Amino acid sequence: MNKFWESETPAVAADTPADKEAAKVHAWRVRRLIELGLAWQAAEAAADSVDWHEVARLVKRGCPAPLAVVILH
């Protein structure tokens, strides 16, 4: 059984191959942000506007993930 954020179904319709690829990348970013400690809704909102690598660096240094997103946004 997949967790709700591991679904292959994107949040938006993907009609073209580029749209489908963008939806996959977005879903992947959401999963990474959730793994770093963001709630699903926050991860969904921030996935395309923050670099998850930078979030990870701040989290590794002790910054809570939600604060890291605010700092980087």
PDB file of N, CA and C in Angstrom:
ATOM      1  N   MET A   1       0.833  -1.180   0.000  1.00  0.00           N
ATOM      2  CA  MET A   1       0.000   0.000   0.000  1.00  0.00           C
ATOM      3  C   MET A   1       0.879   1.244   0.000  1.00  0.00           C
ATOM      4  N   ASN A   2       0.668   2.136  -0.950  1.00  0.00           N
ATOM      5  CA  ASN A   2       1.434   3.364  -1.047  1.00  0.00           C
ATOM      6  C   ASN A   2       0.903   4.411  -0.084  1.00  0.00           C
ATOM      7  N   LYS A   3       1.817   5.222   0.397  1.00  0.00           N
ATOM      8  CA  LYS A   3       1.412   6.382   1.177  1.00  0.00           C
ATOM      9  C   LYS A   3       0.833   7.393   0.208  1.00  0.00           C
ATOM     10  N   PHE A   4      -0.022   8.286   0.696  1.00  0.00           N
ATOM     11  CA  PHE A   4      -0.714   9.201  -0.204  1.00  0.00           C
ATOM     12  C   PHE A   4       0.236  10.064  -1.010  1.00  0.00           C
ATOM     13  N   TRP A   5       1.417  10.392  -0.496  1.00  0.00           N
ATOM     14  CA  TRP A   5       2.331  11.241  -1.240  1.00  0.00           C
ATOM     15  C   TRP A   5       3.180  10.444  -2.217  1.00  0.00           C
ATOM     16  N   GLU A   6       3.096   9.121  -2.208  1.00  0.00           N
ATOM     17  CA  GLU A   6       3.861   8.304  -3.134  1.00  0.00           C
ATOM     18  C   GLU A   6       3.051   7.914  -4.357  1.00  0.00           C
ATOM     19  N   SER A   7       1.889   8.469  -4.485  1.00  0.00           N
ATOM     20  CA  SER A   7       1.029   8.179  -5.619  1.00  0.00           C
ATOM     21  C   SER A   7       1.672   8.660  -6.904  1.00  0.00           C
ATOM     22  N   GLU A   8       1.477   7.929  -7.975  1.00  0.00           N
ATOM     23  CA  GLU A   8       1.963   8.336  -9.278  1.00  0.00           C
ATOM     24  C   GLU A   8       1.025   9.336  -9.930  1.00  0.00           C
ATOM     25  N   THR A   9      -0.136   9.550  -9.351  1.00  0.00           N
ATOM     26  CA  THR A   9      -1.106  10.469  -9.917  1.00  0.00           C
ATOM     27  C   THR A   9      -0.738  11.891  -9.546  1.00  0.00           C
ATOM     28  N   PRO A  10      -0.445  12.739 -10.541  1.00  0.00           N
ATOM     29  CA  PRO A  10      -0.085  14.115 -10.233  1.00  0.00           C
ATOM     30  C   PRO A  10      -1.295  14.914  -9.763  1.00  0.00           C
ATOM     31  N   ALA A  11      -1.020  16.011  -9.090  1.00  0.00           N
ATOM     32  CA  ALA A  11      -2.090  16.860  -8.575  1.00  0.00           C
ATOM     33  C   ALA A  11      -2.795  17.621  -9.697  1.00  0.00           C
ATOM     34  N   VAL A  12      -2.122  17.771 -10.839  1.00  0.00           N
ATOM     35  CA  VAL A  12      -2.715  18.476 -11.979  1.00  0.00           C
ATOM     36  C   VAL A  12      -2.727  17.552 -13.186  1.00  0.00           C
ATOM     37  N   ALA A  13      -3.593  17.843 -14.128  1.00  0.00           N
ATOM     38  CA  ALA A  13      -3.671  17.028 -15.340  1.00  0.00           C
ATOM     39  C   ALA A  13      -2.410  17.224 -16.168  1.00  0.00           C
ATOM     40  N   ALA A  14      -1.918  16.145 -16.737  1.00  0.00           N
ATOM     41  CA  ALA A  14      -0.722  16.192 -17.565  1.00  0.00           C
ATOM     42  C   ALA A  14      -1.079  15.664 -18.944  1.00  0.00           C
ATOM     43  N   ASP A  15      -1.179  16.570 -19.917  1.00  0.00           N
ATOM     44  CA  ASP A  15      -1.621  16.191 -21.246  1.00  0.00           C
ATOM     45  C   ASP A  15      -0.477  15.893 -22.206  1.00  0.00           C
ATOM     46  N   THR A  16       0.638  16.572 -22.057  1.00  0.00           N
ATOM     47  CA  THR A  16       1.756  16.375 -22.962  1.00  0.00           C
ATOM     48  C   THR A  16       2.875  15.636 -22.237  1.00  0.00           C
ATOM     49  N   PRO A  17       3.828  15.083 -22.997  1.00  0.00           N
ATOM     50  CA  PRO A  17       4.969  14.437 -22.329  1.00  0.00           C
ATOM     51  C   PRO A  17       5.713  15.398 -21.392  1.00  0.00           C
ATOM     52  N   ALA A  18       5.842  16.653 -21.801  1.00  0.00           N
ATOM     53  CA  ALA A  18       6.514  17.630 -20.932  1.00  0.00           C
ATOM     54  C   ALA A  18       5.721  17.855 -19.654  1.00  0.00           C
ATOM     55  N   ASP A  19       4.393  17.917 -19.774  1.00  0.00           N
ATOM     56  CA  ASP A  19       3.546  18.070 -18.591  1.00  0.00           C
ATOM     57  C   ASP A  19       3.688  16.866 -17.670  1.00  0.00           C
ATOM     58  N   LYS A  20       3.715  15.685 -18.257  1.00  0.00           N
ATOM     59  CA  LYS A  20       3.854  14.462 -17.458  1.00  0.00           C
ATOM     60  C   LYS A  20       5.189  14.433 -16.737  1.00  0.00           C
ATOM     61  N   GLU A  21       6.245  14.836 -17.426  1.00  0.00           N
ATOM     62  CA  GLU A  21       7.564  14.864 -16.799  1.00  0.00           C
ATOM     63  C   GLU A  21       7.606  15.901 -15.685  1.00  0.00           C
ATOM     64  N   ALA A  22       7.033  17.073 -15.920  1.00  0.00           N
ATOM     65  CA  ALA A  22       6.990  18.110 -14.890  1.00  0.00           C
ATOM     66  C   ALA A  22       6.204  17.633 -13.675  1.00  0.00           C
ATOM     67  N   ALA A  23       5.122  16.908 -13.888  1.00  0.00           N
ATOM     68  CA  ALA A  23       4.327  16.379 -12.780  1.00  0.00           C
ATOM     69  C   ALA A  23       5.123  15.356 -11.984  1.00  0.00           C
ATOM     70  N   LYS A  24       5.901  14.533 -12.669  1.00  0.00           N
ATOM     71  CA  LYS A  24       6.742  13.546 -11.975  1.00  0.00           C
ATOM     72  C   LYS A  24       7.810  14.232 -11.139  1.00  0.00           C
ATOM     73  N   VAL A  25       8.434  15.250 -11.703  1.00  0.00           N
ATOM     74  CA  VAL A  25       9.470  15.991 -10.971  1.00  0.00           C
ATOM     75  C   VAL A  25       8.859  16.666  -9.748  1.00  0.00           C
ATOM     76  N   HIS A  26       7.703  17.272  -9.930  1.00  0.00           N
ATOM     77  CA  HIS A  26       7.016  17.919  -8.812  1.00  0.00           C
ATOM     78  C   HIS A  26       6.724  16.909  -7.700  1.00  0.00           C
ATOM     79  N   ALA A  27       6.185  15.750  -8.073  1.00  0.00           N
ATOM     80  CA  ALA A  27       5.869  14.711  -7.080  1.00  0.00           C
ATOM     81  C   ALA A  27       7.127  14.239  -6.367  1.00  0.00           C
ATOM     82  N   TRP A  28       8.219  14.119  -7.100  1.00  0.00           N
ATOM     83  CA  TRP A  28       9.491  13.703  -6.500  1.00  0.00           C
ATOM     84  C   TRP A  28       9.972  14.744  -5.490  1.00  0.00           C
ATOM     85  N   ARG A  29       9.872  16.029  -5.862  1.00  0.00           N
ATOM     86  CA  ARG A  29      10.271  17.101  -4.933  1.00  0.00           C
ATOM     87  C   ARG A  29       9.395  17.096  -3.690  1.00  0.00           C
ATOM     88  N   VAL A  30       8.113  16.874  -3.858  1.00  0.00           N
ATOM     89  CA  VAL A  30       7.205  16.806  -2.713  1.00  0.00           C
ATOM     90  C   VAL A  30       7.651  15.688  -1.769  1.00  0.00           C
ATOM     91  N   ARG A  31       7.946  14.521  -2.323  1.00  0.00           N
ATOM     92  CA  ARG A  31       8.386  13.389  -1.479  1.00  0.00           C
ATOM     93  C   ARG A  31       9.664  13.726  -0.729  1.00  0.00           C
ATOM     94  N   ARG A  32      10.611  14.354  -1.398  1.00  0.00           N
ATOM     95  CA  ARG A  32      11.873  14.719  -0.732  1.00  0.00           C
ATOM     96  C   ARG A  32      11.610  15.694   0.419  1.00  0.00           C
ATOM     97  N   LEU A  33      10.772  16.686   0.189  1.00  0.00           N
ATOM     98  CA  LEU A  33      10.475  17.661   1.237  1.00  0.00           C
ATOM     99  C   LEU A  33       9.736  17.027   2.407  1.00  0.00           C
ATOM    100  N   ILE A  34       8.855  16.094   2.126  1.00  0.00           N
ATOM    101  CA  ILE A  34       8.161  15.381   3.204  1.00  0.00           C
ATOM    102  C   ILE A  34       9.171  14.583   4.024  1.00  0.00           C
ATOM    103  N   GLU A  35      10.093  13.934   3.352  1.00  0.00           N
ATOM    104  CA  GLU A  35      11.128  13.165   4.063  1.00  0.00           C
ATOM    105  C   GLU A  35      11.980  14.061   4.947  1.00  0.00           C
ATOM    106  N   LEU A  36      12.106  15.325   4.578  1.00  0.00           N
ATOM    107  CA  LEU A  36      12.873  16.271   5.390  1.00  0.00           C
ATOM    108  C   LEU A  36      12.083  16.806   6.580  1.00  0.00           C
ATOM    109  N   GLY A  37      10.768  16.545   6.602  1.00  0.00           N
ATOM    110  CA  GLY A  37       9.987  16.933   7.765  1.00  0.00           C
ATOM    111  C   GLY A  37       8.844  17.889   7.502  1.00  0.00           C
ATOM    112  N   LEU A  38       8.596  18.237   6.242  1.00  0.00           N
ATOM    113  CA  LEU A  38       7.461  19.120   5.949  1.00  0.00           C
ATOM    114  C   LEU A  38       6.165  18.333   5.912  1.00  0.00           C
ATOM    115  N   ALA A  39       5.098  18.969   6.298  1.00  0.00           N
ATOM    116  CA  ALA A  39       3.768  18.387   6.124  1.00  0.00           C
ATOM    117  C   ALA A  39       3.477  18.346   4.628  1.00  0.00           C
ATOM    118  N   TRP A  40       2.597  17.410   4.229  1.00  0.00           N
ATOM    119  CA  TRP A  40       2.299  17.238   2.810  1.00  0.00           C
ATOM    120  C   TRP A  40       1.856  18.541   2.160  1.00  0.00           C
ATOM    121  N   GLN A  41       0.961  19.277   2.787  1.00  0.00           N
ATOM    122  CA  GLN A  41       0.446  20.508   2.200  1.00  0.00           C
ATOM    123  C   GLN A  41       1.559  21.533   1.991  1.00  0.00           C
ATOM    124  N   ALA A  42       2.440  21.661   2.956  1.00  0.00           N
ATOM    125  CA  ALA A  42       3.553  22.608   2.839  1.00  0.00           C
ATOM    126  C   ALA A  42       4.522  22.158   1.757  1.00  0.00           C
ATOM    127  N   ALA A  43       4.783  20.866   1.692  1.00  0.00           N
ATOM    128  CA  ALA A  43       5.676  20.334   0.660  1.00  0.00           C
ATOM    129  C   ALA A  43       5.091  20.558  -0.718  1.00  0.00           C
ATOM    130  N   GLU A  44       3.803  20.326  -0.864  1.00  0.00           N
ATOM    131  CA  GLU A  44       3.115  20.532  -2.145  1.00  0.00           C
ATOM    132  C   GLU A  44       3.224  21.999  -2.568  1.00  0.00           C
ATOM    133  N   ALA A  45       3.051  22.910  -1.629  1.00  0.00           N
ATOM    134  CA  ALA A  45       3.094  24.338  -1.944  1.00  0.00           C
ATOM    135  C   ALA A  45       4.508  24.821  -2.264  1.00  0.00           C
ATOM    136  N   ALA A  46       5.513  24.239  -1.625  1.00  0.00           N
ATOM    137  CA  ALA A  46       6.885  24.722  -1.772  1.00  0.00           C
ATOM    138  C   ALA A  46       7.701  23.976  -2.823  1.00  0.00           C
ATOM    139  N   ALA A  47       7.212  22.862  -3.304  1.00  0.00           N
ATOM    140  CA  ALA A  47       8.008  21.977  -4.158  1.00  0.00           C
ATOM    141  C   ALA A  47       8.619  22.662  -5.370  1.00  0.00           C
ATOM    142  N   ASP A  48       7.921  23.584  -5.966  1.00  0.00           N
ATOM    143  CA  ASP A  48       8.425  24.220  -7.176  1.00  0.00           C
ATOM    144  C   ASP A  48       9.072  25.575  -6.925  1.00  0.00           C
ATOM    145  N   SER A  49       9.156  25.967  -5.658  1.00  0.00           N
ATOM    146  CA  SER A  49       9.692  27.298  -5.389  1.00  0.00           C
ATOM    147  C   SER A  49      10.927  27.311  -4.493  1.00  0.00           C
ATOM    148  N   VAL A  50      11.315  26.172  -3.938  1.00  0.00           N
ATOM    149  CA  VAL A  50      12.542  26.108  -3.144  1.00  0.00           C
ATOM    150  C   VAL A  50      13.409  24.953  -3.641  1.00  0.00           C
ATOM    151  N   ASP A  51      14.692  25.091  -3.453  1.00  0.00           N
ATOM    152  CA  ASP A  51      15.635  24.028  -3.785  1.00  0.00           C
ATOM    153  C   ASP A  51      15.692  23.058  -2.606  1.00  0.00           C
ATOM    154  N   TRP A  52      15.206  21.844  -2.808  1.00  0.00           N
ATOM    155  CA  TRP A  52      15.147  20.910  -1.685  1.00  0.00           C
ATOM    156  C   TRP A  52      16.534  20.583  -1.154  1.00  0.00           C
ATOM    157  N   HIS A  53      17.571  20.714  -1.995  1.00  0.00           N
ATOM    158  CA  HIS A  53      18.938  20.486  -1.511  1.00  0.00           C
ATOM    159  C   HIS A  53      19.301  21.512  -0.438  1.00  0.00           C
ATOM    160  N   GLU A  54      18.897  22.754  -0.667  1.00  0.00           N
ATOM    161  CA  GLU A  54      19.162  23.806   0.319  1.00  0.00           C
ATOM    162  C   GLU A  54      18.363  23.569   1.600  1.00  0.00           C
ATOM    163  N   VAL A  55      17.128  23.126   1.451  1.00  0.00           N
ATOM    164  CA  VAL A  55      16.317  22.777   2.625  1.00  0.00           C
ATOM    165  C   VAL A  55      17.029  21.669   3.396  1.00  0.00           C
ATOM    166  N   ALA A  56      17.511  20.660   2.688  1.00  0.00           N
ATOM    167  CA  ALA A  56      18.206  19.531   3.332  1.00  0.00           C
ATOM    168  C   ALA A  56      19.446  19.998   4.083  1.00  0.00           C
ATOM    169  N   ARG A  57      20.198  20.923   3.491  1.00  0.00           N
ATOM    170  CA  ARG A  57      21.402  21.441   4.170  1.00  0.00           C
ATOM    171  C   ARG A  57      21.037  22.128   5.485  1.00  0.00           C
ATOM    172  N   LEU A  58      19.997  22.938   5.450  1.00  0.00           N
ATOM    173  CA  LEU A  58      19.584  23.620   6.684  1.00  0.00           C
ATOM    174  C   LEU A  58      19.060  22.626   7.719  1.00  0.00           C
ATOM    175  N   VAL A  59      18.276  21.656   7.279  1.00  0.00           N
ATOM    176  CA  VAL A  59      17.750  20.643   8.202  1.00  0.00           C
ATOM    177  C   VAL A  59      18.900  19.861   8.824  1.00  0.00           C
ATOM    178  N   LYS A  60      19.900  19.510   8.026  1.00  0.00           N
ATOM    179  CA  LYS A  60      21.053  18.764   8.531  1.00  0.00           C
ATOM    180  C   LYS A  60      21.791  19.557   9.614  1.00  0.00           C
ATOM    181  N   ARG A  61      21.727  20.883   9.529  1.00  0.00           N
ATOM    182  CA  ARG A  61      22.389  21.735  10.512  1.00  0.00           C
ATOM    183  C   ARG A  61      21.502  22.041  11.710  1.00  0.00           C
ATOM    184  N   GLY A  62      20.291  21.428  11.744  1.00  0.00           N
ATOM    185  CA  GLY A  62      19.428  21.568  12.911  1.00  0.00           C
ATOM    186  C   GLY A  62      18.228  22.472  12.736  1.00  0.00           C
ATOM    187  N   CYS A  63      18.060  23.040  11.569  1.00  0.00           N
ATOM    188  CA  CYS A  63      16.921  23.927  11.322  1.00  0.00           C
ATOM    189  C   CYS A  63      15.670  23.090  11.043  1.00  0.00           C
ATOM    190  N   PRO A  64      14.559  23.397  11.677  1.00  0.00           N
ATOM    191  CA  PRO A  64      13.319  22.678  11.347  1.00  0.00           C
ATOM    192  C   PRO A  64      12.954  22.923   9.878  1.00  0.00           C
ATOM    193  N   ALA A  65      12.449  21.907   9.213  1.00  0.00           N
ATOM    194  CA  ALA A  65      12.130  21.996   7.790  1.00  0.00           C
ATOM    195  C   ALA A  65      11.180  23.157   7.465  1.00  0.00           C
ATOM    196  N   PRO A  66      10.110  23.363   8.239  1.00  0.00           N
ATOM    197  CA  PRO A  66       9.226  24.494   7.899  1.00  0.00           C
ATOM    198  C   PRO A  66       9.951  25.846   7.952  1.00  0.00           C
ATOM    199  N   LEU A  67      10.826  26.020   8.926  1.00  0.00           N
ATOM    200  CA  LEU A  67      11.591  27.264   9.019  1.00  0.00           C
ATOM    201  C   LEU A  67      12.567  27.369   7.855  1.00  0.00           C
ATOM    202  N   ALA A  68      13.192  26.275   7.464  1.00  0.00           N
ATOM    203  CA  ALA A  68      14.110  26.274   6.338  1.00  0.00           C
ATOM    204  C   ALA A  68      13.418  26.749   5.069  1.00  0.00           C
ATOM    205  N   VAL A  69      12.190  26.295   4.853  1.00  0.00           N
ATOM    206  CA  VAL A  69      11.438  26.715   3.669  1.00  0.00           C
ATOM    207  C   VAL A  69      11.147  28.210   3.739  1.00  0.00           C
ATOM    208  N   VAL A  70      10.789  28.705   4.909  1.00  0.00           N
ATOM    209  CA  VAL A  70      10.527  30.147   5.059  1.00  0.00           C
ATOM    210  C   VAL A  70      11.793  30.937   4.770  1.00  0.00           C
ATOM    211  N   ILE A  71      12.903  30.490   5.271  1.00  0.00           N
ATOM    212  CA  ILE A  71      14.179  31.187   5.052  1.00  0.00           C
ATOM    213  C   ILE A  71      14.513  31.227   3.562  1.00  0.00           C
ATOM    214  N   LEU A  72      14.281  30.129   2.874  1.00  0.00           N
ATOM    215  CA  LEU A  72      14.681  30.023   1.465  1.00  0.00           C
ATOM    216  C   LEU A  72      13.644  30.568   0.492  1.00  0.00           C
ATOM    217  N   HIS A  73      12.480  30.825   0.956  1.00  0.00           N
ATOM    218  CA  HIS A  73      11.401  31.288   0.068  1.00  0.00           C
ATOM    219  C   HIS A  73      11.550  32.698  -0.249  1.00  0.00           C
TER     220      HIS A  73
END
